[in-house]
Amino acid sequence: MKVAVLGGGPAGLYFAISLKLRDAAHEVTVYERNRPDDTFGWGVVLSAETLDNLTRNDPVSAVWIKKHFAYWDDIAVVHDGVRTVSTGHGFCGIGRKRLLILLQRRPPPPRLPP
């Protein structure tokens, strides 16, 4: 199957990687109008559950990405001068540019012989 991915940001790159993991014979082309290290936004935040899904879907990318995550459990909200802290959420985050570069450098799955 030939697939065109429009947008080489983190979502487009991860989709292309995931598609090739499902079937390395797919011909996947990623189209991006910006330079490889251009990014818009500051970071990407995932829940602990999403991180587990990332590991199940693509263990290779997960190992690389996890090395660069910041982890936290608490969320603090300040409203009318009152600070309320909620704990036990299990979040992790990574800079958007770093995630983009890691996904760009991830080796593609090998193409299997016909």
PDB file of N, CA and C in Angstrom:
ATOM      1  N   MET A   1       0.849  -1.161   0.000  1.00  0.00           N
ATOM      2  CA  MET A   1       0.000   0.000   0.000  1.00  0.00           C
ATOM      3  C   MET A   1       0.902   1.233   0.000  1.00  0.00           C
ATOM      4  N   LYS A   2       0.541   2.245  -0.787  1.00  0.00           N
ATOM      5  CA  LYS A   2       1.245   3.520  -0.808  1.00  0.00           C
ATOM      6  C   LYS A   2       0.479   4.500   0.068  1.00  0.00           C
ATOM      7  N   VAL A   3       1.201   5.152   0.983  1.00  0.00           N
ATOM      8  CA  VAL A   3       0.576   6.077   1.912  1.00  0.00           C
ATOM      9  C   VAL A   3       1.348   7.382   1.899  1.00  0.00           C
ATOM     10  N   ALA A   4       0.639   8.499   1.809  1.00  0.00           N
ATOM     11  CA  ALA A   4       1.238   9.827   1.918  1.00  0.00           C
ATOM     12  C   ALA A   4       0.823  10.420   3.261  1.00  0.00           C
ATOM     13  N   VAL A   5       1.796  10.822   4.056  1.00  0.00           N
ATOM     14  CA  VAL A   5       1.537  11.453   5.346  1.00  0.00           C
ATOM     15  C   VAL A   5       1.793  12.947   5.167  1.00  0.00           C
ATOM     16  N   LEU A   6       0.774  13.747   5.390  1.00  0.00           N
ATOM     17  CA  LEU A   6       0.898  15.191   5.243  1.00  0.00           C
ATOM     18  C   LEU A   6       1.216  15.794   6.601  1.00  0.00           C
ATOM     19  N   GLY A   7       2.467  16.182   6.789  1.00  0.00           N
ATOM     20  CA  GLY A   7       2.913  16.778   8.043  1.00  0.00           C
ATOM     21  C   GLY A   7       3.929  15.887   8.728  1.00  0.00           C
ATOM     22  N   GLY A   8       5.134  16.433   8.886  1.00  0.00           N
ATOM     23  CA  GLY A   8       6.221  15.678   9.513  1.00  0.00           C
ATOM     24  C   GLY A   8       6.467  16.083  10.949  1.00  0.00           C
ATOM     25  N   GLY A   9       5.411  16.485  11.652  1.00  0.00           N
ATOM     26  CA  GLY A   9       5.529  16.759  13.081  1.00  0.00           C
ATOM     27  C   GLY A   9       5.522  15.446  13.847  1.00  0.00           C
ATOM     28  N   PRO A  10       5.536  15.509  15.184  1.00  0.00           N
ATOM     29  CA  PRO A  10       5.554  14.276  15.972  1.00  0.00           C
ATOM     30  C   PRO A  10       4.432  13.296  15.625  1.00  0.00           C
ATOM     31  N   ALA A  11       3.219  13.784  15.416  1.00  0.00           N
ATOM     32  CA  ALA A  11       2.109  12.867  15.112  1.00  0.00           C
ATOM     33  C   ALA A  11       2.283  12.197  13.754  1.00  0.00           C
ATOM     34  N   GLY A  12       2.651  12.975  12.733  1.00  0.00           N
ATOM     35  CA  GLY A  12       2.843  12.412  11.399  1.00  0.00           C
ATOM     36  C   GLY A  12       3.975  11.400  11.365  1.00  0.00           C
ATOM     37  N   LEU A  13       5.096  11.735  12.020  1.00  0.00           N
ATOM     38  CA  LEU A  13       6.231  10.810  12.051  1.00  0.00           C
ATOM     39  C   LEU A  13       5.894   9.535  12.803  1.00  0.00           C
ATOM     40  N   TYR A  14       5.219   9.681  13.952  1.00  0.00           N
ATOM     41  CA  TYR A  14       4.896   8.489  14.734  1.00  0.00           C
ATOM     42  C   TYR A  14       3.887   7.611  13.992  1.00  0.00           C
ATOM     43  N   PHE A  15       2.946   8.223  13.285  1.00  0.00           N
ATOM     44  CA  PHE A  15       2.010   7.449  12.472  1.00  0.00           C
ATOM     45  C   PHE A  15       2.763   6.666  11.399  1.00  0.00           C
ATOM     46  N   ALA A  16       3.704   7.321  10.703  1.00  0.00           N
ATOM     47  CA  ALA A  16       4.472   6.655   9.647  1.00  0.00           C
ATOM     48  C   ALA A  16       5.263   5.480  10.210  1.00  0.00           C
ATOM     49  N   ILE A  17       5.898   5.677  11.365  1.00  0.00           N
ATOM     50  CA  ILE A  17       6.647   4.593  12.024  1.00  0.00           C
ATOM     51  C   ILE A  17       5.703   3.445  12.368  1.00  0.00           C
ATOM     52  N   SER A  18       4.555   3.781  12.952  1.00  0.00           N
ATOM     53  CA  SER A  18       3.595   2.747  13.363  1.00  0.00           C
ATOM     54  C   SER A  18       3.071   1.956  12.180  1.00  0.00           C
ATOM     55  N   LEU A  19       2.821   2.644  11.073  1.00  0.00           N
ATOM     56  CA  LEU A  19       2.329   1.961   9.878  1.00  0.00           C
ATOM     57  C   LEU A  19       3.379   0.976   9.354  1.00  0.00           C
ATOM     58  N   LYS A  20       4.635   1.400   9.315  1.00  0.00           N
ATOM     59  CA  LYS A  20       5.709   0.511   8.853  1.00  0.00           C
ATOM     60  C   LYS A  20       5.907  -0.661   9.812  1.00  0.00           C
ATOM     61  N   LEU A  21       5.667  -0.452  11.095  1.00  0.00           N
ATOM     62  CA  LEU A  21       5.767  -1.558  12.052  1.00  0.00           C
ATOM     63  C   LEU A  21       4.699  -2.612  11.786  1.00  0.00           C
ATOM     64  N   ARG A  22       3.540  -2.183  11.318  1.00  0.00           N
ATOM     65  CA  ARG A  22       2.457  -3.123  11.031  1.00  0.00           C
ATOM     66  C   ARG A  22       2.755  -3.952   9.780  1.00  0.00           C
ATOM     67  N   ASP A  23       3.398  -3.283   8.783  1.00  0.00           N
ATOM     68  CA  ASP A  23       3.739  -3.981   7.545  1.00  0.00           C
ATOM     69  C   ASP A  23       4.856  -3.190   6.874  1.00  0.00           C
ATOM     70  N   ALA A  24       6.067  -3.696   6.949  1.00  0.00           N
ATOM     71  CA  ALA A  24       7.239  -2.996   6.412  1.00  0.00           C
ATOM     72  C   ALA A  24       7.186  -2.830   4.896  1.00  0.00           C
ATOM     73  N   ALA A  25       6.306  -3.555   4.228  1.00  0.00           N
ATOM     74  CA  ALA A  25       6.198  -3.441   2.778  1.00  0.00           C
ATOM     75  C   ALA A  25       5.437  -2.186   2.342  1.00  0.00           C
ATOM     76  N   HIS A  26       4.707  -1.536   3.267  1.00  0.00           N
ATOM     77  CA  HIS A  26       4.006  -0.301   2.909  1.00  0.00           C
ATOM     78  C   HIS A  26       5.018   0.743   2.442  1.00  0.00           C
ATOM     79  N   GLU A  27       4.663   1.468   1.393  1.00  0.00           N
ATOM     80  CA  GLU A  27       5.485   2.579   0.919  1.00  0.00           C
ATOM     81  C   GLU A  27       4.928   3.854   1.540  1.00  0.00           C
ATOM     82  N   VAL A  28       5.639   4.386   2.528  1.00  0.00           N
ATOM     83  CA  VAL A  28       5.178   5.555   3.269  1.00  0.00           C
ATOM     84  C   VAL A  28       6.074   6.745   2.939  1.00  0.00           C
ATOM     85  N   THR A  29       5.458   7.824   2.497  1.00  0.00           N
ATOM     86  CA  THR A  29       6.172   9.058   2.211  1.00  0.00           C
ATOM     87  C   THR A  29       5.609  10.150   3.105  1.00  0.00           C
ATOM     88  N   VAL A  30       6.501  10.839   3.831  1.00  0.00           N
ATOM     89  CA  VAL A  30       6.096  11.936   4.713  1.00  0.00           C
ATOM     90  C   VAL A  30       6.426  13.253   4.007  1.00  0.00           C
ATOM     91  N   TYR A  31       5.426  14.122   3.891  1.00  0.00           N
ATOM     92  CA  TYR A  31       5.601  15.437   3.281  1.00  0.00           C
ATOM     93  C   TYR A  31       5.540  16.493   4.380  1.00  0.00           C
ATOM     94  N   GLU A  32       6.559  17.350   4.412  1.00  0.00           N
ATOM     95  CA  GLU A  32       6.618  18.427   5.401  1.00  0.00           C
ATOM     96  C   GLU A  32       7.121  19.683   4.714  1.00  0.00           C
ATOM     97  N   ARG A  33       6.443  20.794   4.925  1.00  0.00           N
ATOM     98  CA  ARG A  33       6.836  22.038   4.254  1.00  0.00           C
ATOM     99  C   ARG A  33       7.914  22.805   5.010  1.00  0.00           C
ATOM    100  N   ASN A  34       8.098  22.521   6.274  1.00  0.00           N
ATOM    101  CA  ASN A  34       9.082  23.235   7.076  1.00  0.00           C
ATOM    102  C   ASN A  34      10.402  22.475   7.151  1.00  0.00           C
ATOM    103  N   ARG A  35      11.419  23.125   7.693  1.00  0.00           N
ATOM    104  CA  ARG A  35      12.715  22.467   7.877  1.00  0.00           C
ATOM    105  C   ARG A  35      12.583  21.361   8.930  1.00  0.00           C
ATOM    106  N   PRO A  36      13.489  20.370   8.906  1.00  0.00           N
ATOM    107  CA  PRO A  36      13.383  19.232   9.825  1.00  0.00           C
ATOM    108  C   PRO A  36      13.359  19.605  11.310  1.00  0.00           C
ATOM    109  N   ASP A  37      14.048  20.695  11.702  1.00  0.00           N
ATOM    110  CA  ASP A  37      14.073  21.019  13.131  1.00  0.00           C
ATOM    111  C   ASP A  37      13.136  22.169  13.501  1.00  0.00           C
ATOM    112  N   ASP A  38      12.265  22.587  12.572  1.00  0.00           N
ATOM    113  CA  ASP A  38      11.247  23.587  12.906  1.00  0.00           C
ATOM    114  C   ASP A  38      10.178  22.922  13.759  1.00  0.00           C
ATOM    115  N   THR A  39       9.700  23.643  14.750  1.00  0.00           N
ATOM    116  CA  THR A  39       8.623  23.102  15.565  1.00  0.00           C
ATOM    117  C   THR A  39       7.776  24.250  16.080  1.00  0.00           C
ATOM    118  N   PHE A  40       6.544  23.965  16.358  1.00  0.00           N
ATOM    119  CA  PHE A  40       5.599  24.971  16.828  1.00  0.00           C
ATOM    120  C   PHE A  40       4.951  24.418  18.085  1.00  0.00           C
ATOM    121  N   GLY A  41       5.135  25.084  19.182  1.00  0.00           N
ATOM    122  CA  GLY A  41       4.666  24.602  20.473  1.00  0.00           C
ATOM    123  C   GLY A  41       5.856  24.280  21.349  1.00  0.00           C
ATOM    124  N   TRP A  42       5.599  24.012  22.619  1.00  0.00           N
ATOM    125  CA  TRP A  42       6.682  23.833  23.574  1.00  0.00           C
ATOM    126  C   TRP A  42       6.965  22.375  23.898  1.00  0.00           C
ATOM    127  N   GLY A  43       5.954  21.610  24.101  1.00  0.00           N
ATOM    128  CA  GLY A  43       6.209  20.247  24.529  1.00  0.00           C
ATOM    129  C   GLY A  43       5.019  19.338  24.308  1.00  0.00           C
ATOM    130  N   VAL A  44       5.247  18.081  24.610  1.00  0.00           N
ATOM    131  CA  VAL A  44       4.223  17.056  24.482  1.00  0.00           C
ATOM    132  C   VAL A  44       4.105  16.379  25.847  1.00  0.00           C
ATOM    133  N   VAL A  45       2.896  16.300  26.364  1.00  0.00           N
ATOM    134  CA  VAL A  45       2.640  15.684  27.666  1.00  0.00           C
ATOM    135  C   VAL A  45       1.777  14.449  27.459  1.00  0.00           C
ATOM    136  N   LEU A  46       2.189  13.351  28.074  1.00  0.00           N
ATOM    137  CA  LEU A  46       1.462  12.088  27.978  1.00  0.00           C
ATOM    138  C   LEU A  46       1.121  11.585  29.371  1.00  0.00           C
ATOM    139  N   SER A  47       0.024  10.872  29.477  1.00  0.00           N
ATOM    140  CA  SER A  47      -0.315  10.221  30.741  1.00  0.00           C
ATOM    141  C   SER A  47       0.486   8.926  30.860  1.00  0.00           C
ATOM    142  N   ALA A  48       0.548   8.371  32.060  1.00  0.00           N
ATOM    143  CA  ALA A  48       1.242   7.103  32.275  1.00  0.00           C
ATOM    144  C   ALA A  48       0.608   5.998  31.421  1.00  0.00           C
ATOM    145  N   GLU A  49      -0.702   6.031  31.267  1.00  0.00           N
ATOM    146  CA  GLU A  49      -1.398   5.028  30.452  1.00  0.00           C
ATOM    147  C   GLU A  49      -0.984   5.136  28.982  1.00  0.00           C
ATOM    148  N   THR A  50      -0.873   6.356  28.479  1.00  0.00           N
ATOM    149  CA  THR A  50      -0.445   6.556  27.092  1.00  0.00           C
ATOM    150  C   THR A  50       0.990   6.086  26.895  1.00  0.00           C
ATOM    151  N   LEU A  51       1.822   6.306  27.890  1.00  0.00           N
ATOM    152  CA  LEU A  51       3.205   5.846  27.825  1.00  0.00           C
ATOM    153  C   LEU A  51       3.260   4.321  27.735  1.00  0.00           C
ATOM    154  N   ASP A  52       2.387   3.637  28.448  1.00  0.00           N
ATOM    155  CA  ASP A  52       2.297   2.173  28.342  1.00  0.00           C
ATOM    156  C   ASP A  52       1.884   1.761  26.928  1.00  0.00           C
ATOM    157  N   ASN A  53       0.937   2.489  26.338  1.00  0.00           N
ATOM    158  CA  ASN A  53       0.508   2.193  24.963  1.00  0.00           C
ATOM    159  C   ASN A  53       1.647   2.421  23.970  1.00  0.00           C
ATOM    160  N   LEU A  54       2.412   3.477  24.187  1.00  0.00           N
ATOM    161  CA  LEU A  54       3.570   3.760  23.336  1.00  0.00           C
ATOM    162  C   LEU A  54       4.554   2.588  23.379  1.00  0.00           C
ATOM    163  N   THR A  55       4.795   2.065  24.558  1.00  0.00           N
ATOM    164  CA  THR A  55       5.726   0.940  24.721  1.00  0.00           C
ATOM    165  C   THR A  55       5.206  -0.309  24.016  1.00  0.00           C
ATOM    166  N   ARG A  56       3.918  -0.589  24.146  1.00  0.00           N
ATOM    167  CA  ARG A  56       3.349  -1.763  23.476  1.00  0.00           C
ATOM    168  C   ARG A  56       3.392  -1.609  21.957  1.00  0.00           C
ATOM    169  N   ASN A  57       3.150  -0.410  21.468  1.00  0.00           N
ATOM    170  CA  ASN A  57       3.096  -0.169  20.029  1.00  0.00           C
ATOM    171  C   ASN A  57       4.480  -0.187  19.386  1.00  0.00           C
ATOM    172  N   ASP A  58       5.456   0.432  20.044  1.00  0.00           N
ATOM    173  CA  ASP A  58       6.775   0.597  19.434  1.00  0.00           C
ATOM    174  C   ASP A  58       7.841   0.655  20.528  1.00  0.00           C
ATOM    175  N   PRO A  59       8.301  -0.493  20.989  1.00  0.00           N
ATOM    176  CA  PRO A  59       9.283  -0.524  22.076  1.00  0.00           C
ATOM    177  C   PRO A  59      10.583   0.227  21.770  1.00  0.00           C
ATOM    178  N   VAL A  60      11.016   0.220  20.511  1.00  0.00           N
ATOM    179  CA  VAL A  60      12.266   0.902  20.153  1.00  0.00           C
ATOM    180  C   VAL A  60      12.142   2.406  20.391  1.00  0.00           C
ATOM    181  N   SER A  61      11.099   3.026  19.840  1.00  0.00           N
ATOM    182  CA  SER A  61      10.896   4.466  20.051  1.00  0.00           C
ATOM    183  C   SER A  61      10.663   4.767  21.526  1.00  0.00           C
ATOM    184  N   ALA A  62       9.926   3.910  22.202  1.00  0.00           N
ATOM    185  CA  ALA A  62       9.619   4.148  23.620  1.00  0.00           C
ATOM    186  C   ALA A  62      10.885   4.228  24.460  1.00  0.00           C
ATOM    187  N   VAL A  63      11.836   3.345  24.227  1.00  0.00           N
ATOM    188  CA  VAL A  63      13.088   3.367  24.994  1.00  0.00           C
ATOM    189  C   VAL A  63      13.818   4.684  24.773  1.00  0.00           C
ATOM    190  N   TRP A  64      13.928   5.105  23.524  1.00  0.00           N
ATOM    191  CA  TRP A  64      14.618   6.365  23.208  1.00  0.00           C
ATOM    192  C   TRP A  64      13.919   7.557  23.848  1.00  0.00           C
ATOM    193  N   ILE A  65      12.604   7.609  23.710  1.00  0.00           N
ATOM    194  CA  ILE A  65      11.839   8.764  24.177  1.00  0.00           C
ATOM    195  C   ILE A  65      11.815   8.822  25.707  1.00  0.00           C
ATOM    196  N   LYS A  66      11.648   7.685  26.361  1.00  0.00           N
ATOM    197  CA  LYS A  66      11.569   7.661  27.832  1.00  0.00           C
ATOM    198  C   LYS A  66      12.814   8.228  28.493  1.00  0.00           C
ATOM    199  N   LYS A  67      13.951   8.110  27.837  1.00  0.00           N
ATOM    200  CA  LYS A  67      15.197   8.641  28.407  1.00  0.00           C
ATOM    201  C   LYS A  67      15.160  10.162  28.544  1.00  0.00           C
ATOM    202  N   HIS A  68      14.280  10.805  27.805  1.00  0.00           N
ATOM    203  CA  HIS A  68      14.235  12.268  27.778  1.00  0.00           C
ATOM    204  C   HIS A  68      12.990  12.849  28.441  1.00  0.00           C
ATOM    205  N   PHE A  69      12.133  12.012  28.998  1.00  0.00           N
ATOM    206  CA  PHE A  69      10.917  12.499  29.639  1.00  0.00           C
ATOM    207  C   PHE A  69      11.205  13.098  31.008  1.00  0.00           C
ATOM    208  N   ALA A  70      10.423  14.079  31.387  1.00  0.00           N
ATOM    209  CA  ALA A  70      10.335  14.555  32.762  1.00  0.00           C
ATOM    210  C   ALA A  70       9.045  13.953  33.313  1.00  0.00           C
ATOM    211  N   TYR A  71       9.078  13.478  34.547  1.00  0.00           N
ATOM    212  CA  TYR A  71       7.924  12.808  35.150  1.00  0.00           C
ATOM    213  C   TYR A  71       7.409  13.603  36.350  1.00  0.00           C
ATOM    214  N   TRP A  72       6.090  13.604  36.546  1.00  0.00           N
ATOM    215  CA  TRP A  72       5.497  14.218  37.728  1.00  0.00           C
ATOM    216  C   TRP A  72       4.132  13.604  37.997  1.00  0.00           C
ATOM    217  N   ASP A  73       3.712  13.704  39.263  1.00  0.00           N
ATOM    218  CA  ASP A  73       2.431  13.141  39.695  1.00  0.00           C
ATOM    219  C   ASP A  73       1.435  14.207  40.135  1.00  0.00           C
ATOM    220  N   ASP A  74       1.928  15.378  40.540  1.00  0.00           N
ATOM    221  CA  ASP A  74       1.066  16.399  41.121  1.00  0.00           C
ATOM    222  C   ASP A  74       0.680  17.464  40.097  1.00  0.00           C
ATOM    223  N   ILE A  75      -0.531  17.978  40.267  1.00  0.00           N
ATOM    224  CA  ILE A  75      -1.002  19.116  39.500  1.00  0.00           C
ATOM    225  C   ILE A  75      -1.465  20.162  40.504  1.00  0.00           C
ATOM    226  N   ALA A  76      -0.938  21.374  40.369  1.00  0.00           N
ATOM    227  CA  ALA A  76      -1.337  22.464  41.267  1.00  0.00           C
ATOM    228  C   ALA A  76      -2.139  23.490  40.466  1.00  0.00           C
ATOM    229  N   VAL A  77      -3.266  23.905  41.046  1.00  0.00           N
ATOM    230  CA  VAL A  77      -4.111  24.931  40.450  1.00  0.00           C
ATOM    231  C   VAL A  77      -4.248  26.058  41.465  1.00  0.00           C
ATOM    232  N   VAL A  78      -4.014  27.294  41.000  1.00  0.00           N
ATOM    233  CA  VAL A  78      -4.184  28.460  41.863  1.00  0.00           C
ATOM    234  C   VAL A  78      -5.363  29.266  41.330  1.00  0.00           C
ATOM    235  N   HIS A  79      -6.351  29.467  42.185  1.00  0.00           N
ATOM    236  CA  HIS A  79      -7.542  30.232  41.810  1.00  0.00           C
ATOM    237  C   HIS A  79      -7.899  31.160  42.969  1.00  0.00           C
ATOM    238  N   ASP A  80      -8.019  32.427  42.671  1.00  0.00           N
ATOM    239  CA  ASP A  80      -8.316  33.439  43.697  1.00  0.00           C
ATOM    240  C   ASP A  80      -7.357  33.337  44.877  1.00  0.00           C
ATOM    241  N   GLY A  81      -6.077  33.094  44.572  1.00  0.00           N
ATOM    242  CA  GLY A  81      -5.052  33.047  45.610  1.00  0.00           C
ATOM    243  C   GLY A  81      -5.004  31.756  46.405  1.00  0.00           C
ATOM    244  N   VAL A  82      -5.872  30.819  46.088  1.00  0.00           N
ATOM    245  CA  VAL A  82      -5.889  29.533  46.797  1.00  0.00           C
ATOM    246  C   VAL A  82      -5.229  28.478  45.919  1.00  0.00           C
ATOM    247  N   ARG A  83      -4.208  27.831  46.476  1.00  0.00           N
ATOM    248  CA  ARG A  83      -3.478  26.793  45.742  1.00  0.00           C
ATOM    249  C   ARG A  83      -4.022  25.421  46.143  1.00  0.00           C
ATOM    250  N   THR A  84      -4.492  24.679  45.158  1.00  0.00           N
ATOM    251  CA  THR A  84      -5.017  23.337  45.392  1.00  0.00           C
ATOM    252  C   THR A  84      -4.140  22.353  44.624  1.00  0.00           C
ATOM    253  N   VAL A  85      -3.671  21.316  45.321  1.00  0.00           N
ATOM    254  CA  VAL A  85      -2.793  20.318  44.711  1.00  0.00           C
ATOM    255  C   VAL A  85      -3.540  18.995  44.619  1.00  0.00           C
ATOM    256  N   SER A  86      -3.500  18.408  43.445  1.00  0.00           N
ATOM    257  CA  SER A  86      -4.081  17.094  43.219  1.00  0.00           C
ATOM    258  C   SER A  86      -2.930  16.148  42.883  1.00  0.00           C
ATOM    259  N   THR A  87      -2.875  14.986  43.517  1.00  0.00           N
ATOM    260  CA  THR A  87      -1.739  14.076  43.340  1.00  0.00           C
ATOM    261  C   THR A  87      -2.157  12.762  42.690  1.00  0.00           C
ATOM    262  N   GLY A  88      -1.137  12.009  42.265  1.00  0.00           N
ATOM    263  CA  GLY A  88      -1.356  10.654  41.769  1.00  0.00           C
ATOM    264  C   GLY A  88      -1.782  10.541  40.323  1.00  0.00           C
ATOM    265  N   HIS A  89      -1.430  11.518  39.491  1.00  0.00           N
ATOM    266  CA  HIS A  89      -1.893  11.506  38.106  1.00  0.00           C
ATOM    267  C   HIS A  89      -0.963  10.779  37.141  1.00  0.00           C
ATOM    268  N   GLY A  90       0.317  10.778  37.387  1.00  0.00           N
ATOM    269  CA  GLY A  90       1.252  10.055  36.537  1.00  0.00           C
ATOM    270  C   GLY A  90       1.386  10.617  35.138  1.00  0.00           C
ATOM    271  N   PHE A  91       2.002  11.774  35.005  1.00  0.00           N
ATOM    272  CA  PHE A  91       2.238  12.399  33.707  1.00  0.00           C
ATOM    273  C   PHE A  91       3.723  12.409  33.378  1.00  0.00           C
ATOM    274  N   CYS A  92       4.023  12.554  32.099  1.00  0.00           N
ATOM    275  CA  CYS A  92       5.398  12.740  31.654  1.00  0.00           C
ATOM    276  C   CYS A  92       5.368  13.686  30.472  1.00  0.00           C
ATOM    277  N   GLY A  93       6.466  14.405  30.289  1.00  0.00           N
ATOM    278  CA  GLY A  93       6.524  15.371  29.207  1.00  0.00           C
ATOM    279  C   GLY A  93       7.897  15.411  28.573  1.00  0.00           C
ATOM    280  N   ILE A  94       7.932  15.883  27.352  1.00  0.00           N
ATOM    281  CA  ILE A  94       9.176  15.996  26.595  1.00  0.00           C
ATOM    282  C   ILE A  94       9.067  17.238  25.714  1.00  0.00           C
ATOM    283  N   GLY A  95      10.187  17.909  25.512  1.00  0.00           N
ATOM    284  CA  GLY A  95      10.205  19.052  24.619  1.00  0.00           C
ATOM    285  C   GLY A  95       9.820  18.622  23.209  1.00  0.00           C
ATOM    286  N   ARG A  96       9.012  19.420  22.558  1.00  0.00           N
ATOM    287  CA  ARG A  96       8.515  19.061  21.225  1.00  0.00           C
ATOM    288  C   ARG A  96       9.648  18.897  20.220  1.00  0.00           C
ATOM    289  N   LYS A  97      10.634  19.777  20.265  1.00  0.00           N
ATOM    290  CA  LYS A  97      11.748  19.683  19.318  1.00  0.00           C
ATOM    291  C   LYS A  97      12.549  18.410  19.562  1.00  0.00           C
ATOM    292  N   ARG A  98      12.795  18.072  20.822  1.00  0.00           N
ATOM    293  CA  ARG A  98      13.537  16.850  21.125  1.00  0.00           C
ATOM    294  C   ARG A  98      12.781  15.621  20.635  1.00  0.00           C
ATOM    295  N   LEU A  99      11.463  15.573  20.855  1.00  0.00           N
ATOM    296  CA  LEU A  99      10.654  14.446  20.382  1.00  0.00           C
ATOM    297  C   LEU A  99      10.714  14.350  18.862  1.00  0.00           C
ATOM    298  N   LEU A 100      10.618  15.480  18.197  1.00  0.00           N
ATOM    299  CA  LEU A 100      10.674  15.507  16.738  1.00  0.00           C
ATOM    300  C   LEU A 100      11.995  14.919  16.236  1.00  0.00           C
ATOM    301  N   ILE A 101      13.095  15.336  16.833  1.00  0.00           N
ATOM    302  CA  ILE A 101      14.415  14.852  16.418  1.00  0.00           C
ATOM    303  C   ILE A 101      14.567  13.354  16.697  1.00  0.00           C
ATOM    304  N   LEU A 102      14.087  12.889  17.843  1.00  0.00           N
ATOM    305  CA  LEU A 102      14.176  11.456  18.153  1.00  0.00           C
ATOM    306  C   LEU A 102      13.394  10.620  17.136  1.00  0.00           C
ATOM    307  N   LEU A 103      12.203  11.071  16.783  1.00  0.00           N
ATOM    308  CA  LEU A 103      11.400  10.325  15.807  1.00  0.00           C
ATOM    309  C   LEU A 103      12.035  10.362  14.419  1.00  0.00           C
ATOM    310  N   GLN A 104      12.673  11.479  14.066  1.00  0.00           N
ATOM    311  CA  GLN A 104      13.346  11.560  12.767  1.00  0.00           C
ATOM    312  C   GLN A 104      14.526  10.596  12.698  1.00  0.00           C
ATOM    313  N   ARG A 105      15.182  10.371  13.817  1.00  0.00           N
ATOM    314  CA  ARG A 105      16.381   9.518  13.844  1.00  0.00           C
ATOM    315  C   ARG A 105      16.068   8.040  14.039  1.00  0.00           C
ATOM    316  N   ARG A 106      14.820   7.714  14.322  1.00  0.00           N
ATOM    317  CA  ARG A 106      14.472   6.313  14.579  1.00  0.00           C
ATOM    318  C   ARG A 106      14.649   5.517  13.291  1.00  0.00           C
ATOM    319  N   PRO A 107      15.453   4.451  13.332  1.00  0.00           N
ATOM    320  CA  PRO A 107      15.633   3.643  12.123  1.00  0.00           C
ATOM    321  C   PRO A 107      14.309   3.000  11.695  1.00  0.00           C
ATOM    322  N   PRO A 108      14.044   2.977  10.399  1.00  0.00           N
ATOM    323  CA  PRO A 108      12.801   2.333   9.943  1.00  0.00           C
ATOM    324  C   PRO A 108      12.898   0.813  10.113  1.00  0.00           C
ATOM    325  N   PRO A 109      11.760   0.163  10.275  1.00  0.00           N
ATOM    326  CA  PRO A 109      11.770  -1.304  10.319  1.00  0.00           C
ATOM    327  C   PRO A 109      12.316  -1.850   9.006  1.00  0.00           C
ATOM    328  N   PRO A 110      13.010  -2.970   9.039  1.00  0.00           N
ATOM    329  CA  PRO A 110      13.552  -3.525   7.797  1.00  0.00           C
ATOM    330  C   PRO A 110      12.454  -4.001   6.857  1.00  0.00           C
ATOM    331  N   ARG A 111      12.690  -3.854   5.591  1.00  0.00           N
ATOM    332  CA  ARG A 111      11.739  -4.340   4.589  1.00  0.00           C
ATOM    333  C   ARG A 111      11.953  -5.842   4.427  1.00  0.00           C
ATOM    334  N   LEU A 112      10.894  -6.566   4.541  1.00  0.00           N
ATOM    335  CA  LEU A 112      10.976  -8.015   4.419  1.00  0.00           C
ATOM    336  C   LEU A 112      11.013  -8.426   2.953  1.00  0.00           C
ATOM    337  N   PRO A 113      11.757  -9.468   2.611  1.00  0.00           N
ATOM    338  CA  PRO A 113      11.775  -9.918   1.217  1.00  0.00           C
ATOM    339  C   PRO A 113      10.400 -10.436   0.801  1.00  0.00           C
ATOM    340  N   PRO A 114      10.066 -10.284  -0.508  1.00  0.00           N
ATOM    341  CA  PRO A 114       8.742 -10.731  -0.995  1.00  0.00           C
ATOM    342  C   PRO A 114       8.586 -12.237  -0.918  1.00  0.00           C
TER     343      PRO A 114
END
